[in-house]
Amino acid sequence: MSDQVLMAGAAKIDITPKENVWMDGMIRSHKSEGIHDSLFARALVVSPDGNKKNAIVIVSCDVCAIYANPLANHIRKAVSEKTGIQAENMIIACTHTHSGPALCGILNLSAEKYAAEEFTPKVIQVICQASDALHPATIGYDRGEETTVSHYRRLWTKDGKIVMNWEPYPAENIIGPAEEANNEVGVVKIVSADNPDSVIATVYNHAGHPNVMSGDNYMISADYPGLASKIIEDKFGGIAMFLNGAQGTMDIDGLKDRDWAGVTRTGTAMGKAVVDIVGKIKSQKADVKIKSISKKFSVPYRTITPQELSWAKKVIAESGGKIAPLADGVGDDYKAYLLLKLNEKKGESINLEMVGIALGDVALISFPGEPYNEIGAKIKKQSPFKYTYIVVLANDYTGYYPTKKAIGEGGYCVDTRNCDATAEEIVIKNSLDVLKSLAK
């Protein structure tokens, strides 16, 4: 795609389940029990010239995660057939709320009826609506920080262990975070070329875990990104689209504010940060480079040792194969079940797809899982773009991606990962390949 005048369209649709459903993100004992706040899918379509074949699609859905098959790939194919937009130019991302329907069923049963009858047709519909709304636009961007919502969640203890910031470990025995956090907030503002006061979309990127409400919650909610987006939309109009960053090691404060007041606090803080950054955007451009690249590659599955396999079989024999509900994290019963599944993947690889999108000086690069914040920071540091934002939980879900260093240190994400220690290097290399190609 060459440098041409920007065309953009956006739309929003309610995807709140009509019935009680299984929820994702935590291990729960039963289905949801009502609605606290509505869930939405927000779609942005951008084209350099109005030609749908050259357009790109970005969608943000208030759900925890989706698999490529049958959901994301089906949606992309259906939209392509209806609009002419190429499937490889689409990012279908999830905000990662832990109080939404279980589209993957990672820790619980999946909400299959909701996925087929509500989620899928509505996401297809909202992308088509955004596609039909294309009109001349301009783009602006800036960035800032928000440090009160997300915290680095891997903590060193005095006895040399890694614990998570939700574990009730004695405070006097905690040394502090294992690594530094990246709390950057990136904002892209798209407005009508005919009326600078008419906002089409405010896109914001920040790394975090929307699980203020723990597994004890059975009310459907978009958690803090839902409130933040509402605040931004009420302020500017248009749609406000949250794109989660490299958040595998980022989380809310796990030991306080785990209630609706906490959602209000974090959502308000996130919304205010974005509003403040939008206020810093001084110029909007109409002639910007719009480009998209899709790249597929793979990383090896983690190898399970004989000792791990023996331990897993013992745990499952003792538990009777049942996995107990937990407010946060997972127990040995789930870890044992995962080890048995991974042992069946011996010698196989995890297939991954990245979609890179250039919007002028901004690069967005998707990832189908939860990479550590440190991996995202390394990609950003080496990127040829002035602004680079990782968009995770996009187009598929393949689990956590720790650094090689962290795998040697242990902890929750290390214990529950699918990939092996070479994944960090492979992911960074392929990310930079995509970014360099976008910059040409």
Foldseek 3Di string as FASTA:
>chain_A
DDWAFKKKFKFKDWLADPDWACFADFQADDTFDEAPDTWMKMKMKMARPLQQCRIAMEIETLGQFAALPPALVVLLVVLCVVRVHHSLRYKHFYPRARQAAANPQPNHDHRVCSRPPGVRVVNSVRHVNGSVGIDGKWKWKDKDFFDQFKDQFWWAFQVQATEGLQDPDPPVGTPGHPDDFDGMKIWMWMAHPVDRLHTAEIEIEGAEHQPLAFNVHRHHDSFLCVLLQVLQCVVRNHGYHYFHFQHLRMYGRNHDSSDVVSSVVNNVSNNVNSVVRVVVTDDIGRGADKDKDKDKDWFAWAAADPVLLVVLVVLCVVVVLDFDTDRDAGDSSVLSVLSVVLNVQPPHIDMWMWMWIDTHLEIEIETQEREHSVLRVVLQVPFPGPHYGYGYSISRYQAYHYALVVCVNDYRRNSNHTGDNCVSVVVSVVSNVRRVVSVD
